[in-house]
Amino acid sequence: MSPSPEQAEYASLLLRRAKGDLEACRVLVDNADIDDNIVGFHAQQAVEKALKVVLVLQGADLPLSHDLKFLVREVRESGVEPSDKLMDAQWLTPWAAELRYDEPVALDRPEALAVADNAVTWAESLLTGATSTKAQASGLSKTNPAEPDPTPATTGNPTLPDPL
């Protein structure tokens, strides 16, 4: 994965939004006064946005879909294998919209939070890996991407000089 600067920027935006949904889910998950549909919505949104981060990084078309099973399939077709927890995340899809207006259905709140956390952590690791690899390849500083990296590129143990 070597995203363009625009792809990396958009993937970062999606990840920030996914983290926001994950944080909302964390804050609300133990509050019995909050309906399951609110918690389920934020968990589903965190997973959806995390999957879309990966699609953006892969340069795939971004589908206008809330269907997690479809999005997982798109991610797999882009060449990235999601975790087992994400492979089975389609049970959160109804929380995107339809269950917010239908009769209440019980949500496994701890599992919804776990799936959302897994998705966001996974997407963040892929984004970090993709952008740090690109920064290293371009010779840009890891602390300030606008400046050249003052650390010389070495192989092997960085504390010892490389053998000739």
N, C-alpha and C. Protein backbone atom coordinates (compact mmCIF):
# COMPACT_ATOMS: atom_id res chain seq x y z
N MET A 1 0.84 -1.17 0.00
CA MET A 1 0.00 0.00 0.00
C MET A 1 0.88 1.24 0.00
N SER A 2 0.76 2.01 -1.01
CA SER A 2 1.47 3.29 -1.06
C SER A 2 0.49 4.34 -1.56
N PRO A 3 -0.27 4.91 -0.63
CA PRO A 3 -1.30 5.86 -1.04
C PRO A 3 -0.71 7.19 -1.49
N SER A 4 -1.44 7.86 -2.34
CA SER A 4 -1.07 9.22 -2.72
C SER A 4 -1.29 10.13 -1.51
N PRO A 5 -0.72 11.33 -1.54
CA PRO A 5 -0.98 12.25 -0.41
C PRO A 5 -2.48 12.52 -0.20
N GLU A 6 -3.21 12.61 -1.30
CA GLU A 6 -4.66 12.86 -1.19
C GLU A 6 -5.37 11.67 -0.55
N GLN A 7 -4.97 10.46 -0.95
CA GLN A 7 -5.57 9.27 -0.37
C GLN A 7 -5.24 9.17 1.12
N ALA A 8 -3.99 9.45 1.46
CA ALA A 8 -3.58 9.40 2.87
C ALA A 8 -4.35 10.43 3.69
N GLU A 9 -4.55 11.62 3.13
CA GLU A 9 -5.29 12.67 3.83
C GLU A 9 -6.76 12.27 4.04
N TYR A 10 -7.37 11.70 3.00
CA TYR A 10 -8.78 11.30 3.13
C TYR A 10 -8.91 10.10 4.07
N ALA A 11 -7.97 9.17 3.99
CA ALA A 11 -7.99 8.02 4.91
C ALA A 11 -7.83 8.50 6.35
N SER A 12 -7.00 9.51 6.58
CA SER A 12 -6.82 10.06 7.92
C SER A 12 -8.11 10.71 8.42
N LEU A 13 -8.81 11.41 7.53
CA LEU A 13 -10.09 12.02 7.89
C LEU A 13 -11.11 10.95 8.28
N LEU A 14 -11.20 9.91 7.47
CA LEU A 14 -12.12 8.82 7.79
C LEU A 14 -11.75 8.15 9.11
N LEU A 15 -10.46 7.98 9.35
CA LEU A 15 -10.02 7.36 10.60
C LEU A 15 -10.37 8.24 11.80
N ARG A 16 -10.20 9.55 11.69
CA ARG A 16 -10.59 10.44 12.78
C ARG A 16 -12.09 10.30 13.07
N ARG A 17 -12.87 10.21 12.03
CA ARG A 17 -14.32 10.05 12.23
C ARG A 17 -14.66 8.69 12.83
N ALA A 18 -13.95 7.65 12.38
CA ALA A 18 -14.16 6.31 12.96
C ALA A 18 -13.80 6.32 14.44
N LYS A 19 -12.70 7.00 14.78
CA LYS A 19 -12.31 7.10 16.19
C LYS A 19 -13.35 7.87 17.00
N GLY A 20 -13.96 8.87 16.39
CA GLY A 20 -15.02 9.61 17.07
C GLY A 20 -16.21 8.72 17.36
N ASP A 21 -16.60 7.90 16.38
CA ASP A 21 -17.71 6.97 16.61
C ASP A 21 -17.34 5.93 17.66
N LEU A 22 -16.10 5.46 17.62
CA LEU A 22 -15.64 4.49 18.62
C LEU A 22 -15.68 5.11 20.01
N GLU A 23 -15.22 6.34 20.13
CA GLU A 23 -15.23 7.01 21.44
C GLU A 23 -16.67 7.21 21.94
N ALA A 24 -17.57 7.58 21.04
CA ALA A 24 -18.98 7.72 21.43
C ALA A 24 -19.52 6.39 21.93
N CYS A 25 -19.16 5.33 21.24
CA CYS A 25 -19.59 3.99 21.64
C CYS A 25 -19.04 3.65 23.03
N ARG A 26 -17.76 3.96 23.26
CA ARG A 26 -17.15 3.69 24.57
C ARG A 26 -17.87 4.44 25.69
N VAL A 27 -18.16 5.70 25.44
CA VAL A 27 -18.79 6.54 26.46
C VAL A 27 -20.21 6.06 26.76
N LEU A 28 -20.92 5.60 25.74
CA LEU A 28 -22.33 5.27 25.88
C LEU A 28 -22.62 3.81 26.24
N VAL A 29 -21.66 2.93 26.01
CA VAL A 29 -21.92 1.49 26.09
C VAL A 29 -22.46 1.05 27.46
N ASP A 30 -22.01 1.65 28.54
CA ASP A 30 -22.45 1.23 29.87
C ASP A 30 -23.59 2.07 30.43
N ASN A 31 -24.09 3.02 29.66
CA ASN A 31 -25.16 3.89 30.12
C ASN A 31 -26.51 3.28 29.75
N ALA A 32 -27.20 2.73 30.74
CA ALA A 32 -28.49 2.06 30.51
C ALA A 32 -29.58 3.02 30.04
N ASP A 33 -29.37 4.32 30.23
CA ASP A 33 -30.35 5.31 29.78
C ASP A 33 -30.28 5.58 28.28
N ILE A 34 -29.23 5.10 27.65
CA ILE A 34 -29.05 5.29 26.21
C ILE A 34 -29.54 4.04 25.50
N ASP A 35 -30.41 4.23 24.50
CA ASP A 35 -30.95 3.10 23.75
C ASP A 35 -29.86 2.36 22.98
N ASP A 36 -30.08 1.06 22.81
CA ASP A 36 -29.16 0.24 22.03
C ASP A 36 -28.96 0.78 20.62
N ASN A 37 -30.00 1.38 20.05
CA ASN A 37 -29.87 1.85 18.67
C ASN A 37 -28.80 2.93 18.54
N ILE A 38 -28.58 3.72 19.56
CA ILE A 38 -27.55 4.76 19.53
C ILE A 38 -26.16 4.13 19.61
N VAL A 39 -26.00 3.21 20.53
CA VAL A 39 -24.71 2.51 20.68
C VAL A 39 -24.41 1.69 19.43
N GLY A 40 -25.41 0.96 18.95
CA GLY A 40 -25.24 0.15 17.74
C GLY A 40 -24.89 0.99 16.53
N PHE A 41 -25.52 2.14 16.41
CA PHE A 41 -25.24 3.03 15.29
C PHE A 41 -23.77 3.45 15.30
N HIS A 42 -23.26 3.89 16.45
CA HIS A 42 -21.87 4.34 16.51
C HIS A 42 -20.88 3.19 16.30
N ALA A 43 -21.21 2.01 16.80
CA ALA A 43 -20.34 0.85 16.56
C ALA A 43 -20.30 0.52 15.08
N GLN A 44 -21.46 0.49 14.44
CA GLN A 44 -21.53 0.19 13.00
C GLN A 44 -20.77 1.24 12.21
N GLN A 45 -20.95 2.50 12.56
CA GLN A 45 -20.28 3.58 11.83
C GLN A 45 -18.77 3.50 11.99
N ALA A 46 -18.28 3.15 13.17
CA ALA A 46 -16.84 3.01 13.37
C ALA A 46 -16.28 1.91 12.48
N VAL A 47 -16.98 0.79 12.41
CA VAL A 47 -16.53 -0.33 11.56
C VAL A 47 -16.59 0.07 10.09
N GLU A 48 -17.69 0.66 9.68
CA GLU A 48 -17.85 1.07 8.28
C GLU A 48 -16.73 2.02 7.86
N LYS A 49 -16.46 3.02 8.66
CA LYS A 49 -15.43 4.01 8.30
C LYS A 49 -14.05 3.38 8.32
N ALA A 50 -13.79 2.47 9.24
CA ALA A 50 -12.50 1.78 9.28
C ALA A 50 -12.29 0.96 8.00
N LEU A 51 -13.32 0.26 7.57
CA LEU A 51 -13.21 -0.51 6.32
C LEU A 51 -12.97 0.43 5.13
N LYS A 52 -13.61 1.58 5.15
CA LYS A 52 -13.43 2.54 4.05
C LYS A 52 -12.04 3.17 4.07
N VAL A 53 -11.42 3.28 5.25
CA VAL A 53 -10.03 3.73 5.32
C VAL A 53 -9.16 2.81 4.47
N VAL A 54 -9.36 1.52 4.65
CA VAL A 54 -8.55 0.53 3.93
C VAL A 54 -8.82 0.61 2.43
N LEU A 55 -10.07 0.77 2.06
CA LEU A 55 -10.40 0.89 0.63
C LEU A 55 -9.72 2.12 0.01
N VAL A 56 -9.72 3.23 0.73
CA VAL A 56 -9.05 4.43 0.23
C VAL A 56 -7.56 4.18 0.08
N LEU A 57 -6.94 3.56 1.09
CA LEU A 57 -5.51 3.27 1.02
C LEU A 57 -5.17 2.36 -0.15
N GLN A 58 -6.08 1.47 -0.49
CA GLN A 58 -5.86 0.54 -1.59
C GLN A 58 -6.16 1.16 -2.95
N GLY A 59 -6.70 2.36 -2.95
CA GLY A 59 -7.04 3.02 -4.21
C GLY A 59 -8.30 2.47 -4.83
N ALA A 60 -9.11 1.79 -4.05
CA ALA A 60 -10.36 1.21 -4.55
C ALA A 60 -11.45 2.29 -4.57
N ASP A 61 -12.45 2.07 -5.41
CA ASP A 61 -13.60 2.96 -5.41
C ASP A 61 -14.31 2.86 -4.07
N LEU A 62 -14.75 3.98 -3.56
CA LEU A 62 -15.42 4.01 -2.27
C LEU A 62 -16.92 3.87 -2.48
N PRO A 63 -17.47 2.71 -2.14
CA PRO A 63 -18.91 2.51 -2.35
C PRO A 63 -19.75 3.29 -1.35
N LEU A 64 -20.89 3.73 -1.81
CA LEU A 64 -21.86 4.39 -0.92
C LEU A 64 -22.75 3.30 -0.33
N SER A 65 -22.22 2.64 0.69
CA SER A 65 -22.93 1.52 1.28
C SER A 65 -22.64 1.46 2.78
N HIS A 66 -23.66 1.06 3.53
CA HIS A 66 -23.50 0.80 4.96
C HIS A 66 -23.40 -0.70 5.24
N ASP A 67 -23.49 -1.52 4.21
CA ASP A 67 -23.51 -2.97 4.33
C ASP A 67 -22.10 -3.49 4.65
N LEU A 68 -21.89 -3.91 5.89
CA LEU A 68 -20.56 -4.33 6.32
C LEU A 68 -20.09 -5.59 5.62
N LYS A 69 -21.00 -6.50 5.32
CA LYS A 69 -20.60 -7.71 4.59
C LYS A 69 -20.07 -7.33 3.21
N PHE A 70 -20.75 -6.42 2.54
CA PHE A 70 -20.32 -5.94 1.23
C PHE A 70 -18.97 -5.23 1.34
N LEU A 71 -18.81 -4.38 2.35
CA LEU A 71 -17.55 -3.64 2.50
C LEU A 71 -16.38 -4.58 2.83
N VAL A 72 -16.62 -5.59 3.65
CA VAL A 72 -15.57 -6.58 3.93
C VAL A 72 -15.17 -7.28 2.64
N ARG A 73 -16.15 -7.65 1.83
CA ARG A 73 -15.85 -8.30 0.55
C ARG A 73 -15.02 -7.37 -0.34
N GLU A 74 -15.37 -6.09 -0.38
CA GLU A 74 -14.61 -5.11 -1.17
C GLU A 74 -13.17 -4.99 -0.67
N VAL A 75 -13.00 -4.99 0.64
CA VAL A 75 -11.65 -4.92 1.21
C VAL A 75 -10.85 -6.15 0.81
N ARG A 76 -11.45 -7.31 0.92
CA ARG A 76 -10.76 -8.55 0.53
C ARG A 76 -10.40 -8.54 -0.95
N GLU A 77 -11.31 -8.06 -1.78
CA GLU A 77 -11.04 -8.00 -3.22
C GLU A 77 -9.94 -6.98 -3.54
N SER A 78 -9.72 -6.01 -2.64
CA SER A 78 -8.66 -5.04 -2.85
C SER A 78 -7.29 -5.61 -2.48
N GLY A 79 -7.28 -6.81 -1.88
CA GLY A 79 -6.02 -7.47 -1.55
C GLY A 79 -5.65 -7.44 -0.08
N VAL A 80 -6.56 -7.01 0.79
CA VAL A 80 -6.30 -6.94 2.23
C VAL A 80 -7.25 -7.89 2.93
N GLU A 81 -6.70 -8.65 3.87
CA GLU A 81 -7.50 -9.62 4.60
C GLU A 81 -7.87 -9.07 5.98
N PRO A 82 -9.15 -8.83 6.23
CA PRO A 82 -9.58 -8.34 7.56
C PRO A 82 -9.44 -9.43 8.62
N SER A 83 -9.48 -9.02 9.87
CA SER A 83 -9.43 -9.97 10.98
C SER A 83 -10.72 -10.80 10.99
N ASP A 84 -10.67 -11.92 11.71
CA ASP A 84 -11.87 -12.77 11.84
C ASP A 84 -13.03 -12.00 12.44
N LYS A 85 -12.74 -11.13 13.42
CA LYS A 85 -13.80 -10.35 14.07
C LYS A 85 -14.51 -9.46 13.04
N LEU A 86 -13.76 -8.91 12.09
CA LEU A 86 -14.36 -8.06 11.05
C LEU A 86 -15.07 -8.89 9.99
N MET A 87 -14.58 -10.08 9.75
CA MET A 87 -15.23 -10.96 8.76
C MET A 87 -16.66 -11.26 9.20
N ASP A 88 -16.90 -11.25 10.51
CA ASP A 88 -18.22 -11.57 11.04
C ASP A 88 -18.98 -10.33 11.53
N ALA A 89 -18.57 -9.15 11.11
CA ALA A 89 -19.16 -7.91 11.62
C ALA A 89 -20.48 -7.54 10.96
N GLN A 90 -20.92 -8.32 9.98
CA GLN A 90 -22.15 -7.94 9.25
C GLN A 90 -23.37 -7.85 10.15
N TRP A 91 -23.32 -8.47 11.33
CA TRP A 91 -24.47 -8.39 12.26
C TRP A 91 -24.72 -6.96 12.74
N LEU A 92 -23.72 -6.06 12.58
CA LEU A 92 -23.92 -4.67 12.96
C LEU A 92 -24.59 -3.83 11.86
N THR A 93 -24.65 -4.35 10.64
CA THR A 93 -25.20 -3.57 9.52
C THR A 93 -26.59 -2.99 9.80
N PRO A 94 -27.53 -3.75 10.35
CA PRO A 94 -28.86 -3.17 10.58
C PRO A 94 -28.85 -1.94 11.50
N TRP A 95 -27.83 -1.79 12.31
CA TRP A 95 -27.77 -0.66 13.22
C TRP A 95 -27.45 0.64 12.49
N ALA A 96 -27.04 0.56 11.23
CA ALA A 96 -26.71 1.77 10.46
C ALA A 96 -27.93 2.66 10.29
N ALA A 97 -29.07 2.07 10.03
CA ALA A 97 -30.25 2.90 9.78
C ALA A 97 -31.54 2.21 10.19
N GLU A 98 -31.77 1.02 9.65
CA GLU A 98 -33.11 0.43 9.79
C GLU A 98 -33.54 0.18 11.23
N LEU A 99 -32.61 -0.25 12.10
CA LEU A 99 -33.02 -0.53 13.48
C LEU A 99 -33.22 0.73 14.30
N ARG A 100 -32.78 1.86 13.79
CA ARG A 100 -33.02 3.11 14.51
C ARG A 100 -34.49 3.52 14.43
N TYR A 101 -35.21 2.96 13.47
CA TYR A 101 -36.60 3.35 13.27
C TYR A 101 -37.58 2.20 13.52
N ASP A 102 -37.07 0.98 13.63
CA ASP A 102 -37.92 -0.19 13.87
C ASP A 102 -38.05 -0.46 15.37
N GLU A 103 -38.74 -1.56 15.65
CA GLU A 103 -38.87 -2.01 17.03
C GLU A 103 -37.47 -2.28 17.60
N PRO A 104 -37.26 -1.95 18.86
CA PRO A 104 -35.95 -2.18 19.47
C PRO A 104 -35.57 -3.66 19.45
N VAL A 105 -34.30 -3.91 19.19
CA VAL A 105 -33.72 -5.25 19.22
C VAL A 105 -32.54 -5.15 20.18
N ALA A 106 -32.34 -6.17 21.00
CA ALA A 106 -31.24 -6.14 21.97
C ALA A 106 -29.90 -6.18 21.25
N LEU A 107 -29.00 -5.34 21.71
CA LEU A 107 -27.64 -5.25 21.17
C LEU A 107 -26.67 -5.83 22.18
N ASP A 108 -25.76 -6.65 21.71
CA ASP A 108 -24.66 -7.13 22.55
C ASP A 108 -23.64 -5.99 22.60
N ARG A 109 -23.83 -5.09 23.55
CA ARG A 109 -23.02 -3.88 23.63
C ARG A 109 -21.52 -4.15 23.76
N PRO A 110 -21.10 -5.04 24.66
CA PRO A 110 -19.66 -5.30 24.76
C PRO A 110 -19.07 -5.83 23.46
N GLU A 111 -19.81 -6.69 22.78
CA GLU A 111 -19.30 -7.24 21.51
C GLU A 111 -19.29 -6.17 20.42
N ALA A 112 -20.30 -5.32 20.39
CA ALA A 112 -20.32 -4.22 19.42
C ALA A 112 -19.11 -3.31 19.62
N LEU A 113 -18.81 -2.99 20.87
CA LEU A 113 -17.65 -2.17 21.17
C LEU A 113 -16.36 -2.87 20.78
N ALA A 114 -16.27 -4.16 21.05
CA ALA A 114 -15.07 -4.93 20.72
C ALA A 114 -14.83 -4.96 19.21
N VAL A 115 -15.89 -5.16 18.43
CA VAL A 115 -15.76 -5.19 16.97
C VAL A 115 -15.33 -3.81 16.46
N ALA A 116 -15.95 -2.76 16.98
CA ALA A 116 -15.60 -1.40 16.56
C ALA A 116 -14.15 -1.09 16.91
N ASP A 117 -13.73 -1.44 18.11
CA ASP A 117 -12.36 -1.20 18.53
C ASP A 117 -11.38 -1.97 17.65
N ASN A 118 -11.70 -3.21 17.37
CA ASN A 118 -10.85 -4.04 16.50
C ASN A 118 -10.71 -3.39 15.13
N ALA A 119 -11.80 -2.93 14.57
CA ALA A 119 -11.79 -2.33 13.23
C ALA A 119 -10.95 -1.06 13.19
N VAL A 120 -11.15 -0.19 14.16
CA VAL A 120 -10.44 1.08 14.16
C VAL A 120 -8.94 0.87 14.41
N THR A 121 -8.60 -0.01 15.33
CA THR A 121 -7.19 -0.31 15.60
C THR A 121 -6.51 -0.89 14.36
N TRP A 122 -7.20 -1.78 13.67
CA TRP A 122 -6.67 -2.40 12.45
C TRP A 122 -6.48 -1.36 11.35
N ALA A 123 -7.48 -0.52 11.13
CA ALA A 123 -7.36 0.50 10.09
C ALA A 123 -6.24 1.49 10.42
N GLU A 124 -6.13 1.85 11.69
CA GLU A 124 -5.07 2.78 12.10
C GLU A 124 -3.70 2.18 11.86
N SER A 125 -3.53 0.90 12.15
CA SER A 125 -2.22 0.27 11.92
C SER A 125 -1.89 0.22 10.43
N LEU A 126 -2.88 -0.03 9.60
CA LEU A 126 -2.64 -0.04 8.16
C LEU A 126 -2.30 1.36 7.64
N LEU A 127 -3.01 2.36 8.12
CA LEU A 127 -2.73 3.73 7.70
C LEU A 127 -1.34 4.16 8.17
N THR A 128 -1.01 3.86 9.42
CA THR A 128 0.31 4.21 9.94
C THR A 128 1.40 3.52 9.14
N GLY A 129 1.20 2.25 8.85
CA GLY A 129 2.19 1.51 8.07
C GLY A 129 2.34 2.07 6.67
N ALA A 130 1.23 2.41 6.05
CA ALA A 130 1.27 2.92 4.68
C ALA A 130 1.92 4.29 4.61
N THR A 131 1.64 5.15 5.57
CA THR A 131 2.19 6.50 5.51
C THR A 131 3.62 6.55 6.01
N SER A 132 4.00 5.71 6.99
CA SER A 132 5.39 5.72 7.45
C SER A 132 6.30 5.10 6.42
N THR A 133 5.83 4.08 5.70
CA THR A 133 6.62 3.47 4.63
C THR A 133 6.87 4.50 3.54
N LYS A 134 5.86 5.26 3.19
CA LYS A 134 6.00 6.27 2.15
C LYS A 134 6.95 7.37 2.61
N ALA A 135 6.86 7.80 3.88
CA ALA A 135 7.74 8.84 4.40
C ALA A 135 9.19 8.36 4.41
N GLN A 136 9.41 7.11 4.81
CA GLN A 136 10.77 6.57 4.82
C GLN A 136 11.32 6.47 3.41
N ALA A 137 10.50 6.03 2.47
CA ALA A 137 10.95 5.90 1.09
C ALA A 137 11.28 7.25 0.47
N SER A 138 10.58 8.29 0.89
CA SER A 138 10.81 9.62 0.31
C SER A 138 11.90 10.38 1.04
N GLY A 139 12.41 9.84 2.16
CA GLY A 139 13.44 10.52 2.91
C GLY A 139 12.91 11.66 3.77
N LEU A 140 11.61 11.69 4.03
CA LEU A 140 11.03 12.74 4.85
C LEU A 140 11.16 12.39 6.32
N SER A 141 11.26 13.39 7.14
CA SER A 141 11.38 13.23 8.57
C SER A 141 10.10 12.60 9.13
N LYS A 142 10.25 11.71 10.09
CA LYS A 142 9.08 11.10 10.72
C LYS A 142 8.42 12.08 11.70
N THR A 143 9.18 13.03 12.25
CA THR A 143 8.62 13.99 13.19
C THR A 143 8.02 15.20 12.50
N ASN A 144 8.60 15.61 11.38
CA ASN A 144 8.06 16.73 10.61
C ASN A 144 8.10 16.34 9.14
N PRO A 145 7.00 15.84 8.59
CA PRO A 145 7.00 15.32 7.23
C PRO A 145 7.39 16.35 6.17
N ALA A 146 7.40 17.64 6.50
CA ALA A 146 7.77 18.65 5.51
C ALA A 146 9.29 18.79 5.38
N GLU A 147 10.05 18.23 6.33
CA GLU A 147 11.49 18.37 6.30
C GLU A 147 12.17 17.03 6.02
N PRO A 148 13.36 17.09 5.38
CA PRO A 148 14.10 15.84 5.15
C PRO A 148 14.47 15.18 6.46
N ASP A 149 14.52 13.86 6.46
CA ASP A 149 14.87 13.10 7.66
C ASP A 149 16.38 13.22 7.87
N PRO A 150 16.82 13.76 9.02
CA PRO A 150 18.25 13.91 9.25
C PRO A 150 18.95 12.59 9.59
N THR A 151 18.17 11.56 9.90
CA THR A 151 18.74 10.27 10.25
C THR A 151 19.16 9.54 8.98
N PRO A 152 20.42 9.16 8.89
CA PRO A 152 20.84 8.45 7.67
C PRO A 152 20.17 7.08 7.58
N ALA A 153 19.85 6.68 6.38
CA ALA A 153 19.26 5.36 6.17
C ALA A 153 20.33 4.31 6.39
N THR A 154 20.05 3.34 7.27
CA THR A 154 20.99 2.25 7.53
C THR A 154 20.26 0.94 7.50
N THR A 155 21.02 -0.09 7.40
CA THR A 155 20.46 -1.43 7.53
C THR A 155 21.08 -2.06 8.76
N GLY A 156 20.46 -3.06 9.27
CA GLY A 156 21.01 -3.75 10.43
C GLY A 156 20.79 -2.98 11.70
N ASN A 157 21.70 -3.13 12.67
CA ASN A 157 21.59 -2.51 13.97
C ASN A 157 21.93 -1.03 13.87
N PRO A 158 20.99 -0.13 14.20
CA PRO A 158 21.25 1.29 14.03
C PRO A 158 22.30 1.84 15.00
N THR A 159 22.67 1.11 16.06
CA THR A 159 23.68 1.61 17.00
C THR A 159 25.09 1.24 16.55
N LEU A 160 25.21 0.34 15.63
CA LEU A 160 26.52 -0.08 15.14
C LEU A 160 26.69 0.32 13.69
N PRO A 161 27.89 0.67 13.27
CA PRO A 161 28.08 1.00 11.85
C PRO A 161 27.87 -0.26 11.01
N ASP A 162 27.32 -0.06 9.82
CA ASP A 162 27.11 -1.19 8.92
C ASP A 162 28.43 -1.68 8.38
N PRO A 163 28.58 -3.01 8.30
CA PRO A 163 29.82 -3.55 7.72
C PRO A 163 29.85 -3.26 6.23
N LEU A 164 31.06 -3.07 5.74
CA LEU A 164 31.23 -2.81 4.30
C LEU A 164 31.21 -4.05 3.48
